[in-house]
């Protein structure tokens, strides 16, 4: 009996440890209750605007979409679901509106042929890379779609020997656990359809044709081939918002739903120059940007056409071998299947 009592005493935790564990348990419970209280206020509080913004924002994420369902029913969530059909997405790009400027060879007088700007518009912060010659921008891709993990953007820029790059098309990312191996929609790499060839429907496409003209819109594989698309990806939000934001100088307002998140986009001016834009989010300095914010910035810098790319924790710009924006992923840069890359003068044929 004495031996048994000694064993029980040994199993008992010291009082300081018990107090510490109790304190941690109570603290954790309070934190969870506080967080649930904040979410309740955001979802069921007195401000419809706050509720809509918060709900649309979390529904755009892959990892925490479920948060919107904590206090909102499916019927309530349906009010904040943004859907754009292929017909609603708008007209196709009028290529005659783009008049390619003559691009001189790089020298001390001409400069590098691109300009990197800091963006600070309202609550939006990020980077804008303006590339004079659109033929210097190509699509970078990782190896073995659907089988091997994608590459981080820094790795893709290095492997291609590029000057800079931004993340491009979407990829399967159920629960935020995707490894960038399986692209969303279609991928066209140097004129060859490397993903989505056998799909019978159409895609929300963002791509460049053989002349360096940016196309944004809904296309089938055959339509993309007919348009001589050379580099292209697909992306649409989880709620079905299409990628076309500005077409022929007109904002496609039916595609401007969504919430506030990090964003990546590409646009083109009338002189052919490409606008590669990343906008930060989910940080103390900025929560993120809306689709309207993208349009406002693109229009300010002269975009005639512009398309939304994969955003959120995938939003990254690399320059000088390093990430130069605020990556929103808590686990570091995501692995991605595709990226738009700025190449050295003369590296791209055409």
Protein backbone atom coordinates (compact mmCIF):
# COMPACT_ATOMS: atom_id res chain seq x y z
CA UNK A 1 0.00 0.00 0.00
CA UNK A 2 2.82 2.34 0.88
CA UNK A 3 4.50 1.60 -2.45
CA UNK A 4 1.26 2.35 -4.33
CA UNK A 5 0.87 5.71 -2.54
CA UNK A 6 4.42 6.66 -3.44
CA UNK A 7 3.77 5.85 -7.07
CA UNK A 8 0.63 8.03 -7.04
CA UNK A 9 2.59 10.88 -5.49
CA UNK A 10 5.21 10.56 -8.21
CA UNK A 11 2.49 10.77 -10.87
CA UNK A 12 1.04 13.95 -9.38
CA UNK A 13 2.23 17.15 -11.03
CA UNK A 14 3.94 19.77 -8.88
CA UNK A 15 1.63 22.61 -7.91
CA UNK A 16 3.54 25.26 -9.93
CA UNK A 17 3.13 23.11 -13.05
CA UNK A 18 -0.58 22.67 -12.35
CA UNK A 19 -1.02 26.42 -11.92
CA UNK A 20 0.89 27.10 -15.13
CA UNK A 21 -1.19 24.61 -17.13
CA UNK A 22 -4.41 26.00 -15.65
CA UNK A 23 -3.34 29.53 -16.54
CA UNK A 24 -2.47 28.51 -20.10
CA UNK A 25 -5.79 26.69 -20.46
CA UNK A 26 -7.79 29.68 -19.25
CA UNK A 27 -5.75 32.05 -21.44
CA UNK A 28 -6.32 29.86 -24.49
CA UNK A 29 -10.04 29.63 -23.77
CA UNK A 30 -10.28 33.40 -23.38
CA UNK A 31 -8.39 33.90 -26.66
CA UNK A 32 -10.73 31.54 -28.50
CA UNK A 33 -13.82 33.19 -27.04
CA UNK A 34 -12.43 36.64 -27.89
CA UNK A 35 -11.70 35.56 -31.45
CA UNK A 36 -15.18 34.10 -31.83
CA UNK A 37 -16.60 37.34 -30.43
CA UNK A 38 -14.69 39.39 -32.99
CA UNK A 39 -15.86 37.12 -35.82
CA UNK A 40 -19.45 37.37 -34.55
CA UNK A 41 -19.25 41.18 -34.61
CA UNK A 42 -17.77 41.11 -38.12
CA UNK A 43 -20.37 38.67 -39.45
CA UNK A 44 -23.47 39.61 -37.46
CA UNK A 45 -22.69 43.13 -36.29
CA UNK A 46 -24.55 46.35 -37.07
CA UNK A 47 -22.50 47.29 -40.16
CA UNK A 48 -23.60 45.56 -43.40
CA UNK A 49 -20.55 46.99 -45.16
CA UNK A 50 -18.13 45.44 -42.66
CA UNK A 51 -19.98 42.11 -42.87
CA UNK A 52 -19.83 42.07 -46.65
CA UNK A 53 -16.16 43.05 -46.81
CA UNK A 54 -15.11 40.50 -44.20
CA UNK A 55 -17.19 37.69 -45.70
CA UNK A 56 -16.02 38.29 -49.26
CA UNK A 57 -12.40 38.54 -48.08
CA UNK A 58 -12.31 35.23 -46.22
CA UNK A 59 -14.29 33.45 -48.95
CA UNK A 60 -11.50 34.33 -51.40
CA UNK A 61 -8.94 32.43 -49.33
CA UNK A 62 -8.25 28.73 -49.70
CA UNK A 63 -7.27 28.02 -46.08
CA UNK A 64 -9.91 29.84 -44.00
CA UNK A 65 -12.98 29.97 -46.23
CA UNK A 66 -14.79 28.00 -43.53
CA UNK A 67 -14.62 30.99 -41.16
CA UNK A 68 -17.46 32.65 -43.06
CA UNK A 69 -19.72 29.73 -42.07
CA UNK A 70 -19.20 30.04 -38.33
CA UNK A 71 -22.12 32.41 -37.79
CA UNK A 72 -23.63 32.79 -41.26
CA UNK A 73 -26.07 30.37 -42.85
CA UNK A 74 -25.77 29.22 -46.46
CA UNK A 75 -28.67 31.50 -47.32
CA UNK A 76 -26.88 34.48 -45.78
CA UNK A 77 -23.61 33.55 -47.49
CA UNK A 78 -25.36 33.43 -50.86
CA UNK A 79 -25.87 37.20 -50.64
CA UNK A 80 -22.12 37.69 -50.80
CA UNK A 81 -21.31 35.21 -53.52
CA UNK A 82 -20.00 36.92 -56.63
CA UNK A 83 -20.51 35.11 -59.92
CA UNK A 84 -19.67 36.23 -63.43
CA UNK A 85 -20.65 34.10 -66.39
CA UNK A 86 -18.61 33.87 -69.61
CA UNK A 87 -21.24 35.97 -71.37
CA UNK A 88 -21.14 38.64 -68.67
CA UNK A 89 -17.36 38.82 -68.75
CA UNK A 90 -17.50 41.16 -71.70
CA UNK A 91 -16.09 41.59 -75.15
CA UNK A 92 -12.78 40.36 -76.43
CA UNK A 93 -9.68 42.52 -76.65
CA UNK A 94 -9.52 44.87 -79.63
CA UNK A 95 -5.89 44.46 -80.65
CA UNK A 96 -6.03 47.56 -82.89
CA UNK A 97 -6.09 49.71 -79.74
CA UNK A 98 -2.51 48.67 -78.94
CA UNK A 99 0.13 50.47 -81.01
CA UNK A 100 3.52 49.01 -80.25
CA UNK A 101 6.20 51.60 -79.65
CA UNK A 102 9.60 51.10 -81.27
CA UNK A 103 11.86 49.63 -78.64
CA UNK A 104 15.49 50.66 -78.85
CA UNK A 105 18.41 48.52 -77.80
CA UNK A 106 19.45 48.90 -74.17
CA UNK A 107 22.26 51.41 -73.72
CA UNK A 108 23.23 54.17 -71.34
CA UNK A 109 20.89 56.65 -73.01
CA UNK A 110 17.89 54.36 -73.42
CA UNK A 111 18.01 52.88 -69.93
CA UNK A 112 17.08 49.32 -68.96
CA UNK A 113 13.68 49.36 -70.66
CA UNK A 114 11.73 48.90 -67.45
CA UNK A 115 10.85 50.88 -64.34
CA UNK A 116 10.10 49.63 -60.83
CA UNK A 117 7.78 51.81 -58.76
CA UNK A 118 6.53 51.79 -55.18
CA UNK A 119 2.74 51.94 -55.07
CA UNK A 120 0.93 53.73 -52.26
CA UNK A 121 -2.62 54.58 -53.27
CA UNK A 122 -5.09 55.11 -50.44
CA UNK A 123 -4.84 52.01 -48.27
CA UNK A 124 -3.04 50.02 -51.00
CA UNK A 125 0.69 49.38 -50.94
CA UNK A 126 2.79 47.35 -53.33
CA UNK A 127 5.06 47.32 -56.37
CA UNK A 128 4.54 48.10 -60.05
CA UNK A 129 6.98 46.98 -62.73
CA UNK A 130 6.52 48.77 -66.07
CA UNK A 131 8.11 46.92 -69.00
CA UNK A 132 8.44 48.93 -72.21
CA UNK A 133 8.80 45.97 -74.58
CA UNK A 134 6.09 43.35 -73.92
CA UNK A 135 8.06 40.70 -75.81
CA UNK A 136 10.56 40.68 -72.97
CA UNK A 137 7.87 39.12 -70.74
CA UNK A 138 7.39 35.37 -71.01
CA UNK A 139 5.67 32.67 -69.00
CA UNK A 140 7.81 30.60 -66.67
CA UNK A 141 6.54 27.14 -65.68
CA UNK A 142 7.55 24.47 -63.20
CA UNK A 143 8.23 20.88 -64.28
CA UNK A 144 5.73 18.02 -64.62
CA UNK A 145 2.35 19.63 -63.95
CA UNK A 146 0.11 17.44 -61.82
CA UNK A 147 2.95 15.24 -60.61
CA UNK A 148 5.69 17.33 -59.06
CA UNK A 149 5.43 20.32 -56.73
CA UNK A 150 5.65 23.78 -58.21
CA UNK A 151 8.58 26.12 -57.68
CA UNK A 152 8.92 29.16 -55.47
CA UNK A 153 9.11 32.33 -57.57
CA UNK A 154 12.71 33.04 -56.56
CA UNK A 155 13.67 29.61 -57.88
CA UNK A 156 11.75 30.12 -61.13
CA UNK A 157 13.38 33.51 -61.75
CA UNK A 158 16.80 31.98 -61.11
CA UNK A 159 16.24 28.93 -63.33
CA UNK A 160 15.10 31.06 -66.25
CA UNK A 161 17.80 33.65 -65.72
CA UNK A 162 15.14 36.35 -65.51
CA UNK A 163 15.47 39.88 -64.17
CA UNK A 164 12.19 39.86 -62.29
CA UNK A 165 8.89 38.03 -62.02
CA UNK A 166 5.41 37.87 -60.54
CA UNK A 167 3.22 34.87 -59.75
CA UNK A 168 0.70 34.14 -62.50
CA UNK A 169 -2.07 31.53 -62.83
CA UNK A 170 -4.15 29.82 -60.21
CA UNK A 171 -3.66 26.25 -59.01
CA UNK A 172 -5.55 23.61 -57.05
CA UNK A 173 -5.26 24.63 -53.42
CA UNK A 174 -7.95 22.86 -51.41
CA UNK A 175 -7.73 23.90 -47.80
CA UNK A 176 -4.63 25.98 -48.48
CA UNK A 177 -2.52 22.83 -48.78
CA UNK A 178 -1.79 22.89 -52.52
CA UNK A 179 1.83 22.48 -53.57
CA UNK A 180 1.52 24.33 -56.86
CA UNK A 181 1.63 21.19 -58.98
CA UNK A 182 -1.76 21.38 -60.70
CA UNK A 183 -2.60 24.56 -62.64
CA UNK A 184 -6.10 25.93 -62.83
CA UNK A 185 -7.59 26.08 -66.33
CA UNK A 186 -5.18 26.40 -69.24
CA UNK A 187 -1.44 26.94 -69.60
CA UNK A 188 0.14 27.96 -72.91
CA UNK A 189 3.93 27.90 -72.95
CA UNK A 190 5.64 29.37 -76.02
CA UNK A 191 2.62 28.62 -78.19
CA UNK A 192 2.11 25.07 -76.92
CA UNK A 193 -0.86 24.12 -74.75
CA UNK A 194 0.85 22.30 -71.89
CA UNK A 195 -2.20 22.07 -69.61
CA UNK A 196 -5.94 21.93 -70.37
CA UNK A 197 -5.62 20.79 -73.98
CA UNK A 198 -8.47 18.27 -73.78
CA UNK A 199 -10.91 20.40 -71.80
CA UNK A 200 -14.08 20.91 -73.82
CA UNK A 201 -15.22 24.17 -72.30
CA UNK A 202 -13.58 27.58 -72.04
CA UNK A 203 -11.21 29.33 -69.68
CA UNK A 204 -10.82 32.74 -68.09
CA UNK A 205 -7.56 33.47 -69.85
CA UNK A 206 -4.80 36.01 -69.29
CA UNK A 207 -2.05 35.85 -71.85
CA UNK A 208 0.18 37.43 -74.47
CA UNK A 209 0.02 36.73 -78.19
CA UNK A 210 2.90 36.49 -80.66
CA UNK A 211 2.94 40.27 -81.07
CA UNK A 212 3.14 40.90 -77.34
CA UNK A 213 -0.49 42.04 -77.05
CA UNK A 214 -2.21 41.20 -73.77
CA UNK A 215 -5.48 39.25 -73.99
CA UNK A 216 -7.95 38.98 -71.11
CA UNK A 217 -11.24 37.19 -71.55
CA UNK A 218 -13.03 33.90 -71.94
CA UNK A 219 -11.60 31.53 -74.55
CA UNK A 220 -11.68 27.91 -75.59
CA UNK A 221 -8.44 26.16 -76.47
CA UNK A 222 -9.18 26.59 -80.19
CA UNK A 223 -9.98 30.29 -79.78
CA UNK A 224 -6.66 30.76 -77.97
CA UNK A 225 -4.86 29.03 -80.83
CA UNK A 226 -6.71 31.15 -83.39
CA UNK A 227 -5.67 34.29 -81.51
CA UNK A 228 -2.03 33.13 -81.70
CA UNK A 229 -1.68 33.18 -77.93
CA UNK A 230 1.93 32.45 -77.03
CA UNK A 231 1.95 32.66 -73.23
CA UNK A 232 -1.18 32.23 -71.09
CA UNK A 233 -2.64 31.16 -67.76
CA UNK A 234 -6.07 31.01 -66.15
CA UNK A 235 -7.45 32.31 -62.91
CA UNK A 236 -10.82 32.93 -61.34
CA UNK A 237 -11.71 33.47 -57.71
CA UNK A 238 -13.32 30.80 -55.53
CA UNK A 239 -16.61 32.62 -55.97
CA UNK A 240 -16.28 32.49 -59.75
CA UNK A 241 -15.19 36.05 -60.49
CA UNK A 242 -13.52 36.24 -63.88
CA UNK A 243 -10.03 37.60 -64.45
CA UNK A 244 -10.90 40.30 -67.00
CA UNK A 245 -10.96 43.64 -65.15
CA UNK A 246 -10.38 46.18 -67.94
CA UNK A 247 -11.16 45.43 -71.58
CA UNK A 248 -10.61 48.02 -74.31
CA UNK A 249 -10.39 50.78 -71.73
CA UNK A 250 -13.67 49.84 -70.01
CA UNK A 251 -13.86 48.47 -66.47
CA UNK A 252 -15.73 45.15 -66.36
CA UNK A 253 -17.81 46.00 -63.32
CA UNK A 254 -19.53 42.63 -63.04
CA UNK A 255 -16.11 41.18 -62.15
CA UNK A 256 -15.37 43.63 -59.32
CA UNK A 257 -16.80 41.61 -56.43
CA UNK A 258 -14.60 40.01 -53.84
CA UNK A 259 -13.13 41.41 -50.68
CA UNK A 260 -9.86 42.92 -49.48
CA UNK A 261 -6.79 40.74 -50.06
CA UNK A 262 -3.27 40.74 -51.52
CA UNK A 263 -3.55 41.02 -55.32
CA UNK A 264 -1.49 40.31 -58.42
CA UNK A 265 -2.44 41.68 -61.82
CA UNK A 266 -1.10 42.41 -65.30
CA UNK A 267 -2.11 45.22 -67.64
CA UNK A 268 -1.07 46.85 -70.90
CA UNK A 269 -0.91 50.46 -72.06
CA UNK A 270 -1.82 51.63 -75.55
CA UNK A 271 1.90 51.83 -76.45
CA UNK A 272 2.30 48.14 -75.60
CA UNK A 273 4.13 48.57 -72.28
CA UNK A 274 3.15 45.94 -69.71
CA UNK A 275 2.19 46.75 -66.12
CA UNK A 276 3.05 44.03 -63.60
CA UNK A 277 1.37 44.84 -60.30
CA UNK A 278 1.45 43.30 -56.83
CA UNK A 279 -0.50 44.77 -53.92
CA UNK A 280 0.22 43.66 -50.37
CA UNK A 281 -2.29 42.65 -47.71
CA UNK A 282 -3.02 40.84 -44.45
CA UNK A 283 -0.49 42.97 -42.58
CA UNK A 284 -0.46 45.86 -40.12
CA UNK A 285 0.41 48.34 -42.87
CA UNK A 286 -2.37 47.27 -45.25
CA UNK A 287 -5.23 44.77 -45.18
CA UNK A 288 -5.12 44.45 -48.96
CA UNK A 289 -6.84 45.67 -52.08
CA UNK A 290 -10.14 45.22 -53.87
CA UNK A 291 -10.66 44.51 -57.57
CA UNK A 292 -11.68 48.13 -57.92
CA UNK A 293 -8.36 49.18 -56.41
CA UNK A 294 -6.55 47.21 -59.11
CA UNK A 295 -8.60 48.92 -61.81
CA UNK A 296 -8.00 52.38 -60.34
CA UNK A 297 -4.23 51.88 -60.27
CA UNK A 298 -4.14 50.30 -63.73
CA UNK A 299 -6.16 53.15 -65.22
CA UNK A 300 -3.95 55.71 -63.48
CA UNK A 301 -0.93 54.20 -65.23
CA UNK A 302 -2.64 54.06 -68.61
CA UNK A 303 -3.88 50.48 -68.90
CA UNK A 304 -6.17 49.69 -71.83
CA UNK A 305 -6.55 46.05 -70.81
CA UNK A 306 -5.91 44.39 -67.45
CA UNK A 307 -6.44 41.00 -65.86
CA UNK A 308 -6.47 39.70 -62.31
CA UNK A 309 -4.04 36.87 -61.47
CA UNK A 310 -3.75 34.55 -58.48
CA UNK A 311 -3.56 36.59 -55.27
CA UNK A 312 -3.68 36.08 -51.53
CA UNK A 313 -0.71 34.22 -50.09
CA UNK A 314 0.59 33.60 -53.63
CA UNK A 315 1.10 37.31 -54.36
CA UNK A 316 4.85 37.81 -54.82
CA UNK A 317 7.23 39.94 -56.90
CA UNK A 318 10.90 39.00 -57.22
CA UNK A 319 13.58 41.45 -58.33
CA UNK A 320 17.34 41.18 -57.89
CA UNK A 321 16.91 37.58 -56.78
CA UNK A 322 14.78 38.56 -53.77
CA UNK A 323 11.13 39.00 -52.87
CA UNK A 324 10.56 42.75 -52.74
CA UNK A 325 6.94 42.89 -51.55
CA UNK A 326 5.35 41.72 -48.32
CA UNK A 327 4.57 38.01 -48.79
CA UNK A 328 1.32 37.26 -46.93
CA UNK A 329 1.95 33.55 -46.46
CA UNK A 330 2.73 32.72 -42.83
CA UNK A 331 4.78 29.69 -43.91
CA UNK A 332 6.85 31.54 -46.49
CA UNK A 333 6.55 31.89 -50.28
CA UNK A 334 4.14 29.46 -51.93
CA UNK A 335 5.13 26.92 -54.55
CA UNK A 336 3.47 27.94 -57.82
CA UNK A 337 3.13 26.40 -61.30
CA UNK A 338 3.48 29.57 -63.40
CA UNK A 339 4.94 33.08 -63.37
CA UNK A 340 5.29 36.02 -65.72
CA UNK A 341 9.00 36.76 -66.07
CA UNK A 342 10.95 39.78 -67.33
CA UNK A 343 13.85 38.58 -69.47
CA UNK A 344 17.05 40.29 -70.55
CA UNK A 345 16.93 42.12 -73.89
CA UNK A 346 17.48 39.65 -76.70
CA UNK A 347 16.54 36.54 -74.69
CA UNK A 348 13.12 36.34 -76.30
CA UNK A 349 12.62 35.63 -79.97
CA UNK A 350 10.10 37.48 -82.07
